[in-house]
Amino acid sequence: MKILVVTNLFHPDRGGGASVFSDMCYGLVERGHDVTVFSTYPYYPEWQNKSGAKAWRTATETINGVRVVRFGVYIPTNPSKFIPRVMFELSFTLSLMRSLFYFRRYDAVMVYCPVLSSVLYGAIRRIFYREPMWLNVQDIPADAAAAAGISKNRFANRLSQMAQKFLFNRAVLWSSIAPKMIQRLSELRTRNQPIHLVPNFLNTSMAEVIAAHAPKINRAVSQPIKLLYGGNIGKKQGLLEFCKQLSKSKLAFQFTIHGNGGEAPSLKQWVEASGDSRFRFGEFLDEAGFVNALFESDLFVITEKSGAGASFIPSKLIPCMATGTPVLCVCDPDGPLGTEVGQYGLGVTSHWNELDELLDRLTELSHDQQRYRQLQQNAIERSEAYRRDPVIDFVERELTLLTHKK
C-alpha cells in the first residue's frame, strides 16, 4: 500500500507522541508498505526552529525507509497564547496545501491529531483526491485548549468545537488511544464511523534502552522519596501550580523536573527563586537520559489541569509502566489518565482540590514497602498491553480493509 501520514510531530522531535508516530511509520515500512510522511521541521517541545530551516521552505529526507517531506511553519514564541497558537495551526495547513499540486494519490491517508490543522489539511485533501482518511485522535484539541485556558473566549471555544466536529467527520475511520476518549468521540461523530481503540506503544528504541537496565522491582522507596517529571511543560499540565502547592508541605522529597515547552521558563524561574532545595530543574532529556531518570526515581509525576475531560492521555505513562515506576497523578479521576491509573493500580491519584490528602498518602506510601512493590508489579503487568507489534499489526489490517472499501 501507498500510505500518507500527516503529523506535526516526527523524528527527531521527542514528546507529544512524536516517537510513537515515527515508530508506527517504521513498522509499516518493515511490513513492506510505501510510507510518506508530511510533517514540520523539528520544533517540539522547545517550540524553537531546531533545524535552522527558512520559513516556508520544504525539504525531503528518508528516515528508516520512510519518505519524510518537511514543511516550514510559523513557530510562536509563546504557544500558550490563543492567537499565536492559531497562527501556528493555520500556517501548518497553508504550508501543507502546496502538496496538493504534487498530484500524487495514496491508497490511504492517516492523520494524527494532536492539532486540528492536520485534520483540516486531510479534509481538504479528501476533496481533491477522494482518498480514504483515517483519523487517529491523540488529543481532542478544542476540549484540551478550553480546559488548559489557552482559549478563554466562549465564542472562540464554541467556534472551535464546531470546526472540530465538522472536520473530524470528514474521516471515514476514527481511532483513539483510551476508552474514555473513544466515549467522547462517539458524541462527536455524525456518520456512524467505526472508532477503534489503538493505544500508543513503547517505541523500539526506548524499549531497547529499558531492556539494558536491571529490573527495579522490589527496590525500596528512597528516603526522601524521589519524584520525577519529564516531558512537555505547557498550559494543560498545570505543573507550576502543583509545585507551588507541594512547596507548602513539610514532606521530605526530592522533585527533579526535566522538560521544555511554553510554560517551562516560568516554572524554571519559580524553582530558582523559591529557594526550596527539594526542587531541581533540568533540560529535556533524550531517551537514554529519560529512562535512566525513571529507574532512579520512586514516582513519576503527571499533572493534568482539571476539566480536561477525555481530551488526551499522556504517552509518557507507557515508559513509566515499562520500567516499573508507579505514577503520582493529579488529574480528574474519571478522565482517561485517572481511569487508567485507578483501574490498574498504577500509582497514587488525586484531584486538584485534594492535594492535602495526597501528601498524606505519599507519606504513608514512603513507609509501606509492600504497597509500593505492588504498585511496581501492577505497572509492569499493565505495560504488556502497550506492546508495539500487536498495535502495528492491527493498524496494517485496518488500512488494508480501508483501501478495499474506497
Protein backbone atom coordinates (compact mmCIF):
# COMPACT_ATOMS: atom_id res chain seq x y z
CA MET A 1 0.00 0.00 0.00
CA LYS A 2 0.97 3.60 -0.55
CA ILE A 3 0.22 5.33 2.74
CA LEU A 4 0.39 9.03 3.55
CA VAL A 5 0.77 10.00 7.22
CA VAL A 6 0.11 13.62 8.24
CA THR A 7 1.51 14.73 11.60
CA ASN A 8 3.02 17.87 13.08
CA LEU A 9 5.44 15.75 15.13
CA PHE A 10 8.02 13.32 13.77
CA HIS A 11 11.58 12.21 14.50
CA PRO A 12 13.83 13.79 15.72
CA ASP A 13 11.19 15.61 17.78
CA ARG A 14 10.52 14.00 21.16
CA GLY A 15 7.48 14.18 23.37
CA GLY A 16 3.87 14.69 22.41
CA GLY A 17 3.72 11.28 20.74
CA ALA A 18 6.43 12.01 18.16
CA SER A 19 8.36 8.81 18.88
CA VAL A 20 5.22 6.69 18.59
CA PHE A 21 4.11 8.30 15.32
CA SER A 22 7.59 7.78 13.89
CA ASP A 23 7.82 4.16 15.02
CA MET A 24 4.38 3.39 13.59
CA CYS A 25 5.64 4.52 10.18
CA TYR A 26 8.84 2.50 10.56
CA GLY A 27 6.76 -0.57 11.45
CA LEU A 28 4.58 -0.21 8.35
CA VAL A 29 7.70 0.08 6.18
CA GLU A 30 9.07 -3.08 7.84
CA ARG A 31 5.89 -4.82 6.66
CA GLY A 32 6.55 -3.82 3.05
CA HIS A 33 4.46 -0.67 2.65
CA ASP A 34 5.40 2.59 0.93
CA VAL A 35 5.04 5.28 3.60
CA THR A 36 5.28 9.04 3.07
CA VAL A 37 5.04 11.50 5.95
CA PHE A 38 4.06 15.16 5.67
CA SER A 39 5.35 16.94 8.77
CA THR A 40 7.06 20.07 10.05
CA TYR A 41 10.70 20.73 10.72
CA PRO A 42 11.73 19.73 14.26
CA TYR A 43 10.45 22.23 16.84
CA TYR A 44 8.94 20.33 19.80
CA PRO A 45 8.78 20.56 22.79
CA GLU A 46 11.10 23.58 22.80
CA TRP A 47 8.92 25.48 20.30
CA GLN A 48 12.09 26.53 18.51
CA ASN A 49 13.33 26.09 14.96
CA LYS A 50 15.87 23.36 15.73
CA SER A 51 16.82 22.75 12.09
CA GLY A 52 17.52 26.35 11.14
CA ALA A 53 15.29 25.94 8.07
CA LYS A 54 13.93 29.06 6.44
CA ALA A 55 10.23 29.80 6.76
CA TRP A 56 8.04 28.06 4.15
CA ARG A 57 10.93 26.06 2.75
CA THR A 58 10.22 22.38 2.03
CA ALA A 59 12.72 19.55 2.17
CA THR A 60 12.61 15.78 1.70
CA GLU A 61 14.61 13.13 3.53
CA THR A 62 14.42 9.39 4.12
CA ILE A 63 14.45 8.04 7.68
CA ASN A 64 14.41 4.27 8.22
CA GLY A 65 12.77 3.78 4.84
CA VAL A 66 10.11 6.46 5.40
CA ARG A 67 9.98 9.35 2.94
CA VAL A 68 9.57 12.48 5.09
CA VAL A 69 8.56 15.78 3.50
CA ARG A 70 9.14 18.74 5.82
CA PHE A 71 7.01 21.88 5.55
CA GLY A 72 8.01 25.19 7.13
CA VAL A 73 5.63 26.72 9.68
CA TYR A 74 5.29 29.75 11.91
CA ILE A 75 6.64 28.87 15.37
CA PRO A 76 5.21 31.14 18.08
CA THR A 77 7.40 32.43 20.88
CA ASN A 78 4.50 31.97 23.30
CA PRO A 79 2.49 28.88 22.29
CA SER A 80 0.37 29.17 25.45
CA LYS A 81 -1.42 32.20 23.99
CA PHE A 82 -4.50 31.73 21.82
CA ILE A 83 -3.69 33.96 18.82
CA PRO A 84 -0.08 32.70 18.35
CA ARG A 85 -1.36 29.14 18.63
CA VAL A 86 -3.99 29.76 15.95
CA MET A 87 -1.34 31.31 13.70
CA PHE A 88 0.83 28.23 14.12
CA GLU A 89 -2.04 25.92 13.21
CA LEU A 90 -3.09 27.93 10.17
CA SER A 91 0.49 28.20 8.94
CA PHE A 92 0.83 24.41 9.03
CA THR A 93 -2.33 23.92 6.97
CA LEU A 94 -1.34 26.60 4.47
CA SER A 95 2.15 25.18 4.14
CA LEU A 96 0.78 21.68 3.59
CA MET A 97 -1.61 22.97 0.90
CA ARG A 98 1.29 23.23 -1.53
CA SER A 99 1.44 19.45 -1.62
CA LEU A 100 -1.95 19.32 -3.32
CA PHE A 101 -0.12 20.22 -6.51
CA TYR A 102 2.22 17.23 -6.24
CA PHE A 103 -0.61 15.25 -7.91
CA ARG A 104 0.28 12.07 -6.09
CA ARG A 105 -2.55 9.90 -4.83
CA TYR A 106 -2.27 7.45 -1.93
CA ASP A 107 -4.20 4.32 -1.08
CA ALA A 108 -4.94 5.67 2.38
CA VAL A 109 -4.23 8.77 4.46
CA MET A 110 -3.71 8.56 8.21
CA VAL A 111 -3.95 11.87 10.05
CA TYR A 112 -2.58 12.13 13.59
CA CYS A 113 -4.44 14.73 15.57
CA PRO A 114 -2.58 16.41 18.32
CA VAL A 115 -3.51 19.59 16.36
CA LEU A 116 -6.57 20.44 14.30
CA SER A 117 -4.54 21.86 11.41
CA SER A 118 -3.54 18.34 10.32
CA VAL A 119 -7.20 17.35 10.19
CA LEU A 120 -8.09 20.44 8.17
CA TYR A 121 -5.47 19.55 5.59
CA GLY A 122 -6.69 15.95 5.48
CA ALA A 123 -10.26 17.13 4.90
CA ILE A 124 -9.18 19.42 2.05
CA ARG A 125 -7.06 16.68 0.54
CA ARG A 126 -10.02 14.32 0.62
CA ILE A 127 -11.99 16.79 -1.54
CA PHE A 128 -9.20 16.85 -4.12
CA TYR A 129 -8.19 13.18 -4.22
CA ARG A 130 -11.06 11.23 -2.61
CA GLU A 131 -8.59 9.13 -0.63
CA PRO A 132 -9.95 7.27 2.42
CA MET A 133 -8.89 9.10 5.55
CA TRP A 134 -8.17 7.52 8.95
CA LEU A 135 -8.25 9.99 11.84
CA ASN A 136 -6.10 9.00 14.83
CA VAL A 137 -7.07 11.27 17.73
CA GLN A 138 -4.24 11.80 20.20
CA ASP A 139 -5.70 15.00 21.65
CA ILE A 140 -9.20 16.39 21.26
CA PRO A 141 -7.87 19.89 20.51
CA ALA A 142 -10.85 22.13 21.24
CA ASP A 143 -11.55 20.36 24.52
CA ALA A 144 -7.90 20.49 25.61
CA ALA A 145 -7.44 24.18 24.66
CA ALA A 146 -10.51 25.23 26.65
CA ALA A 147 -9.52 23.16 29.69
CA ALA A 148 -5.94 24.45 29.66
CA GLY A 149 -7.02 28.06 29.42
CA ILE A 150 -5.31 28.66 26.08
CA SER A 151 -8.68 29.84 24.80
CA LYS A 152 -10.81 31.74 27.36
CA ASN A 153 -13.29 33.29 24.94
CA ARG A 154 -16.60 31.43 24.97
CA PHE A 155 -17.41 32.33 21.37
CA ALA A 156 -13.97 31.16 20.21
CA ASN A 157 -14.36 27.93 22.18
CA ARG A 158 -17.77 27.30 20.66
CA LEU A 159 -16.44 28.01 17.17
CA SER A 160 -13.53 25.63 17.77
CA GLN A 161 -15.89 22.90 18.91
CA MET A 162 -18.00 23.30 15.77
CA ALA A 163 -14.95 23.27 13.49
CA GLN A 164 -13.55 20.23 15.29
CA LYS A 165 -16.78 18.27 14.90
CA PHE A 166 -17.12 19.17 11.23
CA LEU A 167 -13.52 18.30 10.35
CA PHE A 168 -13.44 15.08 12.34
CA ASN A 169 -16.45 13.85 10.42
CA ARG A 170 -14.64 14.15 7.09
CA ALA A 171 -12.73 10.99 8.04
CA VAL A 172 -14.24 7.59 7.27
CA LEU A 173 -12.49 5.79 10.14
CA TRP A 174 -11.55 7.02 13.59
CA SER A 175 -9.28 5.70 16.31
CA SER A 176 -8.06 6.94 19.65
CA ILE A 177 -5.77 5.88 22.46
CA ALA A 178 -8.03 5.44 25.51
CA PRO A 179 -11.58 4.15 26.15
CA LYS A 180 -12.65 7.47 27.71
CA MET A 181 -11.51 9.33 24.60
CA ILE A 182 -13.46 6.95 22.38
CA GLN A 183 -16.52 7.61 24.51
CA ARG A 184 -16.08 11.35 23.99
CA LEU A 185 -15.52 10.90 20.25
CA SER A 186 -18.74 8.92 19.91
CA GLU A 187 -20.55 12.11 20.91
CA LEU A 188 -18.94 13.98 18.01
CA ARG A 189 -19.50 11.64 15.08
CA THR A 190 -22.42 12.23 12.73
CA ARG A 191 -21.85 9.49 10.16
CA ASN A 192 -21.54 6.42 12.41
CA GLN A 193 -17.87 5.94 11.54
CA PRO A 194 -16.10 3.00 13.19
CA ILE A 195 -13.98 4.08 16.19
CA HIS A 196 -11.13 1.75 17.11
CA LEU A 197 -9.02 1.65 20.25
CA VAL A 198 -5.43 1.93 19.01
CA PRO A 199 -3.24 2.60 22.04
CA ASN A 200 0.14 4.19 21.81
CA PHE A 201 3.00 1.82 22.50
CA LEU A 202 6.56 1.62 23.75
CA ASN A 203 8.65 2.55 20.74
CA THR A 204 11.52 0.28 19.72
CA SER A 205 14.46 2.49 20.65
CA MET A 206 13.15 3.20 24.14
CA ALA A 207 12.29 -0.47 24.69
CA GLU A 208 15.91 -1.33 23.89
CA VAL A 209 17.21 1.20 26.41
CA ILE A 210 14.86 -0.12 29.10
CA ALA A 211 15.88 -3.73 28.40
CA ALA A 212 19.51 -2.83 29.07
CA HIS A 213 18.67 -1.98 32.71
CA ALA A 214 18.28 -4.42 35.55
CA PRO A 215 14.67 -4.57 36.85
CA LYS A 216 13.97 -2.37 39.85
CA ILE A 217 11.05 -4.37 41.22
CA ASN A 218 11.35 -4.83 45.00
CA ARG A 219 13.62 -1.83 45.38
CA ALA A 220 12.62 0.13 48.47
CA VAL A 221 11.29 3.68 48.38
CA SER A 222 14.06 6.23 48.79
CA GLN A 223 14.30 8.48 51.82
CA PRO A 224 13.49 11.22 50.96
CA ILE A 225 11.14 9.99 48.26
CA LYS A 226 12.35 10.74 44.73
CA LEU A 227 9.82 12.34 42.38
CA LEU A 228 10.41 12.89 38.65
CA TYR A 229 8.69 14.88 35.93
CA GLY A 230 9.88 14.62 32.35
CA GLY A 231 8.30 15.95 29.17
CA ASN A 232 6.36 18.88 27.80
CA ILE A 233 5.58 21.73 30.18
CA GLY A 234 2.56 23.58 28.86
CA LYS A 235 -0.73 25.06 29.98
CA LYS A 236 -2.62 21.79 30.14
CA GLN A 237 -0.20 20.29 32.67
CA GLY A 238 -0.58 22.96 35.35
CA LEU A 239 2.78 21.82 36.73
CA LEU A 240 3.73 25.19 38.23
CA GLU A 241 0.52 25.26 40.25
CA PHE A 242 1.26 21.77 41.57
CA CYS A 243 4.82 22.71 42.53
CA LYS A 244 3.61 25.76 44.45
CA GLN A 245 1.20 23.61 46.44
CA LEU A 246 3.83 20.93 47.01
CA SER A 247 6.32 23.50 48.30
CA LYS A 248 3.94 24.41 51.14
CA SER A 249 4.17 20.90 52.58
CA LYS A 250 6.69 19.55 55.05
CA LEU A 251 7.02 16.32 53.09
CA ALA A 252 10.57 15.06 52.65
CA PHE A 253 11.03 14.70 48.89
CA GLN A 254 13.36 15.39 46.00
CA PHE A 255 11.46 16.55 42.92
CA THR A 256 13.53 16.59 39.73
CA ILE A 257 11.93 18.22 36.68
CA HIS A 258 13.27 17.75 33.17
CA GLY A 259 11.28 19.39 30.42
CA ASN A 260 10.62 22.16 27.97
CA GLY A 261 7.63 23.89 26.43
CA GLY A 262 5.58 27.05 26.59
CA GLU A 263 5.41 27.21 30.39
CA ALA A 264 8.93 25.90 31.10
CA PRO A 265 10.57 29.36 31.55
CA SER A 266 8.02 30.34 34.20
CA LEU A 267 8.50 27.09 36.09
CA LYS A 268 12.28 27.29 35.89
CA GLN A 269 12.19 30.86 37.18
CA TRP A 270 9.97 29.83 40.09
CA VAL A 271 12.24 26.92 41.05
CA GLU A 272 15.27 29.18 41.06
CA ALA A 273 13.51 31.93 43.02
CA SER A 274 11.81 29.67 45.56
CA GLY A 275 15.00 28.71 47.34
CA ASP A 276 13.43 25.30 48.04
CA SER A 277 16.24 22.77 47.67
CA ARG A 278 13.72 19.96 47.26
CA PHE A 279 13.10 21.11 43.66
CA ARG A 280 15.55 20.74 40.78
CA PHE A 281 15.03 21.86 37.20
CA GLY A 282 16.90 20.47 34.17
CA GLU A 283 16.67 20.32 30.40
CA PHE A 284 14.51 17.97 28.35
CA LEU A 285 16.14 14.53 28.35
CA ASP A 286 16.91 12.25 25.44
CA GLU A 287 15.54 8.71 25.58
CA ALA A 288 18.51 7.21 27.38
CA GLY A 289 18.58 10.02 29.92
CA PHE A 290 14.84 9.78 30.49
CA VAL A 291 14.98 6.04 31.07
CA ASN A 292 17.92 6.42 33.47
CA ALA A 293 15.97 9.05 35.39
CA LEU A 294 12.94 6.76 35.58
CA PHE A 295 14.99 3.92 37.02
CA GLU A 296 16.45 6.28 39.64
CA SER A 297 13.07 7.72 40.71
CA ASP A 298 10.40 6.34 43.01
CA LEU A 299 7.36 8.01 41.47
CA PHE A 300 6.77 9.74 38.14
CA VAL A 301 4.60 12.85 38.37
CA ILE A 302 1.88 13.50 35.80
CA THR A 303 -0.37 16.53 36.20
CA GLU A 304 -3.39 17.46 34.09
CA LYS A 305 -5.45 20.58 34.64
CA SER A 306 -8.95 19.95 35.91
CA GLY A 307 -11.64 19.96 33.24
CA ALA A 308 -9.53 18.28 30.57
CA GLY A 309 -12.19 15.59 30.50
CA ALA A 310 -11.45 12.96 27.87
CA SER A 311 -9.28 15.16 25.67
CA PHE A 312 -5.93 13.32 25.97
CA ILE A 313 -3.78 10.83 27.86
CA PRO A 314 -0.01 11.31 28.25
CA SER A 315 2.11 8.89 26.22
CA LYS A 316 4.86 9.13 28.85
CA LEU A 317 2.73 6.89 31.05
CA ILE A 318 3.89 3.95 28.91
CA PRO A 319 7.65 4.07 29.69
CA CYS A 320 6.73 4.58 33.35
CA MET A 321 4.89 1.27 33.34
CA ALA A 322 7.61 -0.49 31.37
CA THR A 323 10.26 0.49 33.94
CA GLY A 324 8.08 -0.46 36.89
CA THR A 325 7.79 3.15 38.05
CA PRO A 326 4.49 3.97 39.78
CA VAL A 327 2.94 7.34 38.99
CA LEU A 328 1.71 10.22 41.08
CA CYS A 329 -1.22 11.72 39.18
CA VAL A 330 -3.05 14.98 39.81
CA CYS A 331 -5.97 14.91 37.43
CA ASP A 332 -9.71 14.34 37.07
CA PRO A 333 -10.23 10.80 38.42
CA ASP A 334 -12.80 9.98 35.73
CA GLY A 335 -10.61 11.17 32.82
CA PRO A 336 -8.51 8.83 30.66
CA LEU A 337 -5.41 9.13 32.87
CA GLY A 338 -7.24 8.85 36.18
CA THR A 339 -9.25 5.88 34.93
CA GLU A 340 -6.16 4.03 33.66
CA VAL A 341 -4.16 4.58 36.84
CA GLY A 342 -7.05 3.81 39.16
CA GLN A 343 -8.36 0.76 37.33
CA TYR A 344 -4.98 -0.96 37.11
CA GLY A 345 -3.44 0.27 40.36
CA LEU A 346 -0.54 2.07 38.70
CA GLY A 347 0.09 4.65 41.40
CA VAL A 348 -1.39 7.38 43.54
CA THR A 349 -4.09 9.67 42.12
CA SER A 350 -5.62 12.88 43.40
CA HIS A 351 -7.96 15.61 42.26
CA TRP A 352 -6.62 19.16 42.40
CA ASN A 353 -8.81 20.03 45.38
CA GLU A 354 -7.47 17.05 47.37
CA LEU A 355 -3.75 17.85 47.38
CA ASP A 356 -3.52 17.89 51.19
CA GLU A 357 -4.81 14.32 51.29
CA LEU A 358 -2.39 13.38 48.52
CA LEU A 359 0.57 14.49 50.58
CA ASP A 360 -0.63 12.37 53.49
CA ARG A 361 -0.92 9.37 51.17
CA LEU A 362 2.60 9.94 49.86
CA THR A 363 3.92 9.94 53.41
CA GLU A 364 2.16 6.64 54.08
CA LEU A 365 3.42 5.13 50.84
CA SER A 366 7.03 6.05 51.62
CA HIS A 367 6.81 3.78 54.68
CA ASP A 368 4.73 0.98 53.16
CA GLN A 369 7.15 -1.11 51.12
CA GLN A 370 4.66 -3.88 50.45
CA ARG A 371 2.18 -1.44 48.91
CA TYR A 372 4.93 0.19 46.84
CA ARG A 373 6.13 -3.16 45.49
CA GLN A 374 2.57 -4.00 44.47
CA LEU A 375 2.32 -0.74 42.51
CA GLN A 376 5.59 -1.59 40.76
CA GLN A 377 4.32 -5.04 39.84
CA ASN A 378 1.00 -3.63 38.60
CA ALA A 379 2.87 -1.22 36.32
CA ILE A 380 4.99 -3.97 34.78
CA GLU A 381 1.97 -6.20 34.18
CA ARG A 382 -0.08 -3.41 32.59
CA SER A 383 2.79 -2.47 30.27
CA GLU A 384 2.14 -5.71 28.36
CA ALA A 385 -0.99 -4.08 26.90
CA TYR A 386 1.21 -1.48 25.19
CA ARG A 387 3.47 -3.70 23.12
CA ARG A 388 4.43 -2.43 19.68
CA ASP A 389 3.86 -5.30 17.24
CA PRO A 390 0.20 -6.11 18.01
CA VAL A 391 -0.73 -2.44 17.57
CA ILE A 392 1.06 -2.08 14.21
CA ASP A 393 -0.36 -5.42 13.02
CA PHE A 394 -3.86 -4.17 13.79
CA VAL A 395 -3.28 -0.86 12.00
CA GLU A 396 -1.96 -2.69 8.94
CA ARG A 397 -5.04 -4.94 8.79
CA GLU A 398 -7.43 -2.00 9.13
CA LEU A 399 -5.58 0.02 6.49
CA THR A 400 -5.90 -2.92 4.11
CA LEU A 401 -9.63 -3.12 4.75
CA LEU A 402 -9.95 0.63 4.36
CA THR A 403 -8.33 0.64 0.92
CA HIS A 404 -10.67 -2.12 -0.26
CA LYS A 405 -13.73 -0.07 0.75
CA LYS A 406 -12.80 3.08 -1.16
